[in-house]
Amino acid sequence: METFTVKMEIGSLSGGEFVAVNALVNTGSSLAALPASLLRRLGVTEERRRRFELANGDVVEYPVGPARVRLAGQDGIIQVVFAPEDFAPRVGAVTLSSLCLQPDPVEQRLIPYLPRVCNHPQHIPTP
């Protein structure tokens, strides 16, 4: 699994400032994670607590909440993890997918992709 860093801007849903951070692109992670103190300073609010499995197999529980993000020319609302202070900011696979971005590990950048919607008659729900 290749990893690299990108500039990510993060802000609260209520508006206000965005803060730029260098975030590790890591498709082995699910969500974006940033130090809890940074998220609280920006006004990002915790919605609930969630359990996560760490790379070493330990299971931990962290708060999560919605935040605005700008990343590789895309913007949106994502779920962020309120991580411990020594946790390096990171962008995970679900975050990338929600912004229609995919990693290019050779060029060490994120590239947009066109999402697909299935329109085959067998897949369209009937009333």
Protein backbone atom coordinates (compact mmCIF):
# COMPACT_ATOMS: atom_id res chain seq x y z
CA MET A 1 0.00 0.00 0.00
CA GLU A 2 1.55 3.25 -1.14
CA THR A 3 1.11 6.37 1.00
CA PHE A 4 1.80 10.04 0.34
CA THR A 5 0.68 13.39 1.71
CA VAL A 6 -1.68 15.98 0.26
CA LYS A 7 -2.94 19.39 1.32
CA MET A 8 -6.40 19.11 2.87
CA GLU A 9 -8.47 22.04 4.13
CA ILE A 10 -10.92 21.39 6.94
CA GLY A 11 -13.68 23.54 8.48
CA SER A 12 -16.91 23.30 10.46
CA LEU A 13 -20.42 23.05 9.03
CA SER A 14 -21.30 26.44 10.52
CA GLY A 15 -18.89 28.24 8.20
CA GLY A 16 -15.90 30.28 9.24
CA GLU A 17 -12.29 29.50 8.62
CA PHE A 18 -10.70 26.55 6.90
CA VAL A 19 -7.35 25.29 8.11
CA ALA A 20 -4.91 23.59 5.76
CA VAL A 21 -3.10 20.48 6.94
CA ASN A 22 -0.78 18.00 5.29
CA ALA A 23 -2.67 14.73 5.42
CA LEU A 24 -1.43 11.23 4.78
CA VAL A 25 -3.38 9.45 2.03
CA ASN A 26 -3.89 5.97 3.42
CA THR A 27 -6.46 3.67 1.81
CA GLY A 28 -5.96 1.26 4.70
CA SER A 29 -7.83 3.80 6.83
CA SER A 30 -11.55 4.39 6.40
CA LEU A 31 -12.25 8.00 7.39
CA ALA A 32 -10.33 11.25 7.62
CA ALA A 33 -8.78 11.67 11.06
CA LEU A 34 -7.36 14.82 12.61
CA PRO A 35 -6.24 15.84 16.10
CA ALA A 36 -9.32 16.44 18.27
CA SER A 37 -8.04 19.82 19.50
CA LEU A 38 -7.84 21.16 15.93
CA LEU A 39 -11.36 20.00 15.10
CA ARG A 40 -12.78 21.52 18.30
CA ARG A 41 -10.97 24.82 17.67
CA LEU A 42 -12.62 24.98 14.24
CA GLY A 43 -16.04 24.35 15.78
CA VAL A 44 -16.47 20.82 14.42
CA THR A 45 -18.86 19.03 16.76
CA GLU A 46 -18.87 15.43 17.88
CA GLU A 47 -21.99 13.52 16.84
CA ARG A 48 -21.25 10.14 18.38
CA ARG A 49 -18.54 7.72 19.34
CA ARG A 50 -17.42 4.91 17.05
CA ARG A 51 -15.21 1.87 17.40
CA PHE A 52 -12.22 1.50 15.09
CA GLU A 53 -9.67 -1.20 14.52
CA LEU A 54 -6.06 0.01 14.44
CA ALA A 55 -3.41 -1.48 12.15
CA ASN A 56 -2.01 -3.49 15.07
CA GLY A 57 -5.42 -5.09 15.71
CA ASP A 58 -6.32 -3.05 18.80
CA VAL A 59 -9.90 -1.78 18.96
CA VAL A 60 -10.36 1.81 20.16
CA GLU A 61 -13.25 4.24 20.39
CA TYR A 62 -13.09 7.83 19.09
CA PRO A 63 -15.67 10.58 18.58
CA VAL A 64 -16.74 11.36 15.00
CA GLY A 65 -18.59 14.30 13.49
CA PRO A 66 -19.29 16.09 10.22
CA ALA A 67 -16.89 18.64 8.75
CA ARG A 68 -16.42 20.55 5.51
CA VAL A 69 -13.40 19.59 3.46
CA ARG A 70 -11.55 20.81 0.39
CA LEU A 71 -9.25 18.30 -1.19
CA ALA A 72 -7.68 18.08 -4.66
CA GLY A 73 -10.17 20.51 -6.19
CA GLN A 74 -13.20 18.80 -4.65
CA ASP A 75 -15.24 19.91 -1.67
CA GLY A 76 -17.89 18.29 0.46
CA ILE A 77 -19.06 17.23 3.88
CA ILE A 78 -17.37 14.22 5.40
CA GLN A 79 -17.24 12.34 8.69
CA VAL A 80 -14.03 13.03 10.59
CA VAL A 81 -12.46 11.17 13.48
CA PHE A 82 -11.48 13.20 16.56
CA ALA A 83 -8.09 11.51 16.90
CA PRO A 84 -5.49 11.73 19.68
CA GLU A 85 -3.06 14.65 19.50
CA ASP A 86 -0.12 12.52 18.33
CA PHE A 87 -2.15 11.12 15.42
CA ALA A 88 -0.94 12.41 12.04
CA PRO A 89 -3.79 13.83 9.90
CA ARG A 90 -4.92 11.30 7.35
CA VAL A 91 -7.42 10.74 4.56
CA GLY A 92 -9.00 7.31 4.26
CA ALA A 93 -10.76 5.33 1.54
CA VAL A 94 -14.34 6.33 2.46
CA THR A 95 -13.40 10.01 2.46
CA LEU A 96 -11.77 9.67 -0.96
CA SER A 97 -14.76 7.81 -2.34
CA SER A 98 -17.25 10.38 -1.02
CA LEU A 99 -15.31 13.10 -2.88
CA CYS A 100 -14.93 10.96 -6.05
CA LEU A 101 -11.15 10.92 -5.73
CA GLN A 102 -8.69 8.10 -6.21
CA PRO A 103 -5.02 7.93 -5.35
CA ASP A 104 -2.36 7.88 -8.04
CA PRO A 105 0.57 6.41 -6.09
CA VAL A 106 3.02 6.78 -8.99
CA GLU A 107 2.50 10.54 -9.32
CA GLN A 108 1.64 10.83 -5.60
CA ARG A 109 -1.53 12.82 -6.17
CA LEU A 110 -5.29 12.46 -6.03
CA ILE A 111 -7.27 12.38 -9.25
CA PRO A 112 -11.02 12.80 -9.70
CA TYR A 113 -13.15 10.08 -11.23
CA LEU A 114 -16.63 10.05 -12.66
CA PRO A 115 -18.97 8.14 -10.33
CA ARG A 116 -21.30 5.53 -11.76
CA VAL A 117 -25.02 5.09 -11.30
CA CYS A 118 -26.56 1.85 -12.44
CA ASN A 119 -29.59 2.35 -14.69
CA HIS A 120 -30.21 -1.22 -15.77
CA PRO A 121 -33.96 -1.99 -15.54
CA GLN A 122 -33.32 -4.90 -13.17
CA HIS A 123 -31.78 -2.51 -10.67
CA ILE A 124 -34.47 0.15 -10.67
CA PRO A 125 -36.85 -0.29 -7.73
CA THR A 126 -40.52 -0.59 -8.63
CA PRO A 127 -43.17 1.24 -6.60
